Amino acid sequence: MFSQRSFSQVTIKDIAEEAGVSSALVIKYFINKECLFGQTIDFEESARRLFSGEFSELGYTAVYETLTAPADAPYSTVRTLVIGSGDENSLKSVGKKIQEDLKEVLVDRIESEAPQPNPHPQIRAQAALSLIIGLSMMRRVGDPNFRDYPRKQLLDYYAGLFQQIVDGVA
């Protein structure tokens, strides 16, 4: 339901009706709409697509996926942020899942495989995620001319930046 309407447009009553249960049952199991929304967010597939493969190619893999993933992919962070409509509670849920599903995976890779120990892996993961989430935002909503940019040039530039960040040399 959250994929069809924004967080603010969906009510507990709507959810209960769609599921064929009472509103009280939804509240019993999920406490409130925010907790239920949080349960629907899953970036594990995104992490698998972004951060798989050789560490030395992580920049290329992450940026290529960011540039080529379907706009309506259910694992898209930008899509999930848009669905949340900027509601404070939905943003908290999205932030928590970004931390759990994306940042922690990247931190683990940096800690175990990066050639440099510094800056701190948490800082590098945060910077790398900021880069690709920002790139995804520009691709999807921030730049109407984004499709006009040569993909190879975008890929080469952003992949290099991403790799420098995770390697600890940026």
C-alpha atoms as a PDB file:
ATOM      1  CA  MET A   1       0.000   0.000   0.000  1.00  0.00           C
ATOM      2  CA  PHE A   2       2.888   2.369   0.782  1.00  0.00           C
ATOM      3  CA  SER A   3       4.194   1.797  -2.730  1.00  0.00           C
ATOM      4  CA  GLN A   4       0.938   3.121  -4.182  1.00  0.00           C
ATOM      5  CA  ARG A   5       0.357   6.086  -1.861  1.00  0.00           C
ATOM      6  CA  SER A   6       2.605   8.178   0.320  1.00  0.00           C
ATOM      7  CA  PHE A   7       3.051   7.480   4.022  1.00  0.00           C
ATOM      8  CA  SER A   8       0.856  10.430   5.007  1.00  0.00           C
ATOM      9  CA  GLN A   9      -1.988   9.249   2.740  1.00  0.00           C
ATOM     10  CA  VAL A  10      -2.202   5.752   4.243  1.00  0.00           C
ATOM     11  CA  THR A  11      -4.159   5.193   7.448  1.00  0.00           C
ATOM     12  CA  ILE A  12      -4.258   2.242   9.859  1.00  0.00           C
ATOM     13  CA  LYS A  13      -7.863   1.746   8.752  1.00  0.00           C
ATOM     14  CA  ASP A  14      -6.747   1.521   5.086  1.00  0.00           C
ATOM     15  CA  ILE A  15      -4.110  -1.044   5.994  1.00  0.00           C
ATOM     16  CA  ALA A  16      -6.547  -3.113   8.025  1.00  0.00           C
ATOM     17  CA  GLU A  17      -9.175  -3.070   5.272  1.00  0.00           C
ATOM     18  CA  GLU A  18      -6.608  -4.103   2.655  1.00  0.00           C
ATOM     19  CA  ALA A  19      -5.433  -6.959   4.878  1.00  0.00           C
ATOM     20  CA  GLY A  20      -8.964  -8.010   5.780  1.00  0.00           C
ATOM     21  CA  VAL A  21      -8.407  -7.561   9.518  1.00  0.00           C
ATOM     22  CA  SER A  22      -9.444  -5.086  12.187  1.00  0.00           C
ATOM     23  CA  SER A  23      -7.535  -1.896  12.935  1.00  0.00           C
ATOM     24  CA  ALA A  24      -7.066  -3.184  16.489  1.00  0.00           C
ATOM     25  CA  LEU A  25      -5.243  -6.259  15.181  1.00  0.00           C
ATOM     26  CA  VAL A  26      -2.892  -4.117  13.100  1.00  0.00           C
ATOM     27  CA  ILE A  27      -2.144  -1.971  16.163  1.00  0.00           C
ATOM     28  CA  LYS A  28      -1.668  -5.077  18.351  1.00  0.00           C
ATOM     29  CA  TYR A  29       1.084  -6.405  16.085  1.00  0.00           C
ATOM     30  CA  PHE A  30       2.681  -3.200  14.812  1.00  0.00           C
ATOM     31  CA  ILE A  31       1.841  -0.599  17.531  1.00  0.00           C
ATOM     32  CA  ASN A  32       1.414   2.209  14.986  1.00  0.00           C
ATOM     33  CA  LYS A  33       1.717   3.106  11.333  1.00  0.00           C
ATOM     34  CA  GLU A  34       5.359   4.163  11.706  1.00  0.00           C
ATOM     35  CA  CYS A  35       6.396   0.746  13.020  1.00  0.00           C
ATOM     36  CA  LEU A  36       4.469  -0.977  10.245  1.00  0.00           C
ATOM     37  CA  PHE A  37       6.100   1.256   7.631  1.00  0.00           C
ATOM     38  CA  GLY A  38       9.497   0.423   9.114  1.00  0.00           C
ATOM     39  CA  GLN A  39       8.749  -3.273   8.682  1.00  0.00           C
ATOM     40  CA  THR A  40       8.067  -2.762   4.969  1.00  0.00           C
ATOM     41  CA  ILE A  41      11.469  -1.154   4.282  1.00  0.00           C
ATOM     42  CA  ASP A  42      14.165  -3.539   3.133  1.00  0.00           C
ATOM     43  CA  PHE A  43      17.423  -2.376   1.588  1.00  0.00           C
ATOM     44  CA  GLU A  44      19.169  -5.759   1.816  1.00  0.00           C
ATOM     45  CA  GLU A  45      18.704  -6.343  -1.919  1.00  0.00           C
ATOM     46  CA  SER A  46      20.073  -2.880  -2.562  1.00  0.00           C
ATOM     47  CA  ALA A  47      23.140  -3.647  -0.425  1.00  0.00           C
ATOM     48  CA  ARG A  48      23.687  -6.912  -2.273  1.00  0.00           C
ATOM     49  CA  ARG A  49      23.543  -5.159  -5.644  1.00  0.00           C
ATOM     50  CA  LEU A  50      25.631  -2.147  -4.606  1.00  0.00           C
ATOM     51  CA  PHE A  51      28.356  -3.784  -2.544  1.00  0.00           C
ATOM     52  CA  SER A  52      29.038  -7.170  -4.124  1.00  0.00           C
ATOM     53  CA  GLY A  53      32.199  -8.223  -5.910  1.00  0.00           C
ATOM     54  CA  GLU A  54      35.842  -7.340  -5.470  1.00  0.00           C
ATOM     55  CA  PHE A  55      36.611  -4.490  -3.086  1.00  0.00           C
ATOM     56  CA  SER A  56      38.867  -2.857  -5.674  1.00  0.00           C
ATOM     57  CA  GLU A  57      35.831  -2.622  -8.014  1.00  0.00           C
ATOM     58  CA  LEU A  58      33.318  -1.497  -5.397  1.00  0.00           C
ATOM     59  CA  GLY A  59      33.125   2.034  -6.821  1.00  0.00           C
ATOM     60  CA  TYR A  60      32.280   0.752 -10.276  1.00  0.00           C
ATOM     61  CA  THR A  61      29.744  -1.781  -8.966  1.00  0.00           C
ATOM     62  CA  ALA A  62      27.955   0.705  -6.693  1.00  0.00           C
ATOM     63  CA  VAL A  63      27.800   3.521  -9.234  1.00  0.00           C
ATOM     64  CA  TYR A  64      26.801   1.253 -12.117  1.00  0.00           C
ATOM     65  CA  GLU A  65      23.918  -0.107 -10.039  1.00  0.00           C
ATOM     66  CA  THR A  66      22.922   3.421  -9.023  1.00  0.00           C
ATOM     67  CA  LEU A  67      22.859   4.544 -12.660  1.00  0.00           C
ATOM     68  CA  THR A  68      21.030   1.511 -14.055  1.00  0.00           C
ATOM     69  CA  ALA A  69      18.589   0.311 -11.376  1.00  0.00           C
ATOM     70  CA  PRO A  70      14.922   0.637 -12.365  1.00  0.00           C
ATOM     71  CA  ALA A  71      13.361   3.845 -11.060  1.00  0.00           C
ATOM     72  CA  ASP A  72      10.571   1.850  -9.438  1.00  0.00           C
ATOM     73  CA  ALA A  73      12.841  -0.759  -7.835  1.00  0.00           C
ATOM     74  CA  PRO A  74      11.387  -1.624  -4.426  1.00  0.00           C
ATOM     75  CA  TYR A  75      14.871  -1.477  -2.891  1.00  0.00           C
ATOM     76  CA  SER A  76      15.522   2.125  -4.017  1.00  0.00           C
ATOM     77  CA  THR A  77      16.367   4.510  -1.171  1.00  0.00           C
ATOM     78  CA  VAL A  78      15.150   7.521  -3.147  1.00  0.00           C
ATOM     79  CA  ARG A  79      11.843   5.831  -3.971  1.00  0.00           C
ATOM     80  CA  THR A  80      11.382   4.950  -0.306  1.00  0.00           C
ATOM     81  CA  LEU A  81      12.163   8.515   0.773  1.00  0.00           C
ATOM     82  CA  VAL A  82       9.611   9.856  -1.703  1.00  0.00           C
ATOM     83  CA  ILE A  83       6.955   7.444  -0.428  1.00  0.00           C
ATOM     84  CA  GLY A  84       7.690   8.621   3.104  1.00  0.00           C
ATOM     85  CA  SER A  85       6.804  12.168   2.022  1.00  0.00           C
ATOM     86  CA  GLY A  86       9.224  13.740   4.483  1.00  0.00           C
ATOM     87  CA  ASP A  87       7.162  12.780   7.513  1.00  0.00           C
ATOM     88  CA  GLU A  88       9.490  12.806  10.544  1.00  0.00           C
ATOM     89  CA  ASN A  89       8.491   9.312  11.669  1.00  0.00           C
ATOM     90  CA  SER A  90       8.845   7.784   8.224  1.00  0.00           C
ATOM     91  CA  LEU A  91      12.254   9.453   7.828  1.00  0.00           C
ATOM     92  CA  LYS A  92      13.360   7.863  11.109  1.00  0.00           C
ATOM     93  CA  SER A  93      12.277   4.468   9.803  1.00  0.00           C
ATOM     94  CA  VAL A  94      14.112   4.962   6.516  1.00  0.00           C
ATOM     95  CA  GLY A  95      17.227   6.219   8.312  1.00  0.00           C
ATOM     96  CA  LYS A  96      17.246   3.198  10.603  1.00  0.00           C
ATOM     97  CA  LYS A  97      17.055   0.812   7.647  1.00  0.00           C
ATOM     98  CA  ILE A  98      19.761   2.692   5.737  1.00  0.00           C
ATOM     99  CA  GLN A  99      21.951   2.246   8.819  1.00  0.00           C
ATOM    100  CA  GLU A 100      21.117  -1.450   9.264  1.00  0.00           C
ATOM    101  CA  ASP A 101      20.920  -2.658   5.670  1.00  0.00           C
ATOM    102  CA  LEU A 102      23.393  -0.430   3.833  1.00  0.00           C
ATOM    103  CA  LYS A 103      25.838   1.386   6.087  1.00  0.00           C
ATOM    104  CA  GLU A 104      26.680  -1.590   8.315  1.00  0.00           C
ATOM    105  CA  VAL A 105      27.354  -3.786   5.275  1.00  0.00           C
ATOM    106  CA  LEU A 106      29.667  -1.188   3.776  1.00  0.00           C
ATOM    107  CA  VAL A 107      31.423  -0.560   7.101  1.00  0.00           C
ATOM    108  CA  ASP A 108      32.122  -4.300   7.418  1.00  0.00           C
ATOM    109  CA  ARG A 109      33.624  -4.387   3.927  1.00  0.00           C
ATOM    110  CA  ILE A 110      35.786  -1.325   4.605  1.00  0.00           C
ATOM    111  CA  GLU A 111      37.002  -2.668   7.962  1.00  0.00           C
ATOM    112  CA  SER A 112      38.008  -6.015   6.517  1.00  0.00           C
ATOM    113  CA  GLU A 113      39.212  -5.083   3.011  1.00  0.00           C
ATOM    114  CA  ALA A 114      40.222  -1.425   2.669  1.00  0.00           C
ATOM    115  CA  PRO A 115      43.914  -0.737   2.080  1.00  0.00           C
ATOM    116  CA  GLN A 116      43.931   2.208   4.546  1.00  0.00           C
ATOM    117  CA  PRO A 117      42.699   2.151   8.171  1.00  0.00           C
ATOM    118  CA  ASN A 118      41.755   5.835   8.229  1.00  0.00           C
ATOM    119  CA  PRO A 119      39.571   7.807   8.170  1.00  0.00           C
ATOM    120  CA  HIS A 120      37.268   5.736  10.355  1.00  0.00           C
ATOM    121  CA  PRO A 121      35.234   3.173   8.362  1.00  0.00           C
ATOM    122  CA  GLN A 122      31.963   4.689   9.634  1.00  0.00           C
ATOM    123  CA  ILE A 123      32.921   8.058   8.169  1.00  0.00           C
ATOM    124  CA  ARG A 124      33.933   6.519   4.841  1.00  0.00           C
ATOM    125  CA  ALA A 125      30.725   4.474   4.622  1.00  0.00           C
ATOM    126  CA  GLN A 126      28.660   7.568   5.384  1.00  0.00           C
ATOM    127  CA  ALA A 127      30.479   9.594   2.709  1.00  0.00           C
ATOM    128  CA  ALA A 128      30.188   6.813   0.110  1.00  0.00           C
ATOM    129  CA  LEU A 129      26.470   6.342   0.785  1.00  0.00           C
ATOM    130  CA  SER A 130      25.921  10.100   0.597  1.00  0.00           C
ATOM    131  CA  LEU A 131      27.581  10.098  -2.809  1.00  0.00           C
ATOM    132  CA  ILE A 132      25.450   7.339  -4.336  1.00  0.00           C
ATOM    133  CA  ILE A 133      22.187   8.392  -2.693  1.00  0.00           C
ATOM    134  CA  GLY A 134      22.821  11.931  -3.952  1.00  0.00           C
ATOM    135  CA  LEU A 135      23.608  10.579  -7.414  1.00  0.00           C
ATOM    136  CA  SER A 136      20.407   8.546  -7.346  1.00  0.00           C
ATOM    137  CA  MET A 137      18.422  11.593  -6.245  1.00  0.00           C
ATOM    138  CA  MET A 138      19.826  13.669  -9.104  1.00  0.00           C
ATOM    139  CA  ARG A 139      19.107  10.860 -11.572  1.00  0.00           C
ATOM    140  CA  ARG A 140      15.519  10.388 -10.477  1.00  0.00           C
ATOM    141  CA  VAL A 141      14.254  13.823  -9.443  1.00  0.00           C
ATOM    142  CA  GLY A 142      16.958  16.471  -9.114  1.00  0.00           C
ATOM    143  CA  ASP A 143      18.152  17.045 -12.657  1.00  0.00           C
ATOM    144  CA  PRO A 144      15.730  16.909 -15.597  1.00  0.00           C
ATOM    145  CA  ASN A 145      18.720  16.800 -17.980  1.00  0.00           C
ATOM    146  CA  PHE A 146      20.433  13.868 -16.242  1.00  0.00           C
ATOM    147  CA  ARG A 147      19.748  11.484 -19.137  1.00  0.00           C
ATOM    148  CA  ASP A 148      21.686  13.824 -21.423  1.00  0.00           C
ATOM    149  CA  TYR A 149      24.980  13.209 -19.599  1.00  0.00           C
ATOM    150  CA  PRO A 150      27.161  10.476 -21.059  1.00  0.00           C
ATOM    151  CA  ARG A 151      26.747   7.409 -18.836  1.00  0.00           C
ATOM    152  CA  LYS A 152      30.385   6.384 -19.222  1.00  0.00           C
ATOM    153  CA  GLN A 153      31.551   9.807 -18.061  1.00  0.00           C
ATOM    154  CA  LEU A 154      29.209   9.676 -15.031  1.00  0.00           C
ATOM    155  CA  LEU A 155      30.312   6.140 -14.246  1.00  0.00           C
ATOM    156  CA  ASP A 156      34.029   6.873 -14.518  1.00  0.00           C
ATOM    157  CA  TYR A 157      33.834  10.048 -12.459  1.00  0.00           C
ATOM    158  CA  TYR A 158      31.580   8.845  -9.646  1.00  0.00           C
ATOM    159  CA  ALA A 159      33.085   5.338  -9.470  1.00  0.00           C
ATOM    160  CA  GLY A 160      36.521   6.886  -8.976  1.00  0.00           C
ATOM    161  CA  LEU A 161      35.248   9.153  -6.200  1.00  0.00           C
ATOM    162  CA  PHE A 162      33.419   6.305  -4.480  1.00  0.00           C
ATOM    163  CA  GLN A 163      36.467   4.046  -4.648  1.00  0.00           C
ATOM    164  CA  GLN A 164      38.755   6.731  -3.248  1.00  0.00           C
ATOM    165  CA  ILE A 165      36.345   7.251  -0.347  1.00  0.00           C
ATOM    166  CA  VAL A 166      36.091   3.580   0.611  1.00  0.00           C
ATOM    167  CA  ASP A 167      39.834   3.035   0.082  1.00  0.00           C
ATOM    168  CA  GLY A 168      40.559   5.898   2.490  1.00  0.00           C
ATOM    169  CA  VAL A 169      42.529   7.995   0.027  1.00  0.00           C
ATOM    170  CA  ALA A 170      39.975  10.717  -0.740  1.00  0.00           C
END
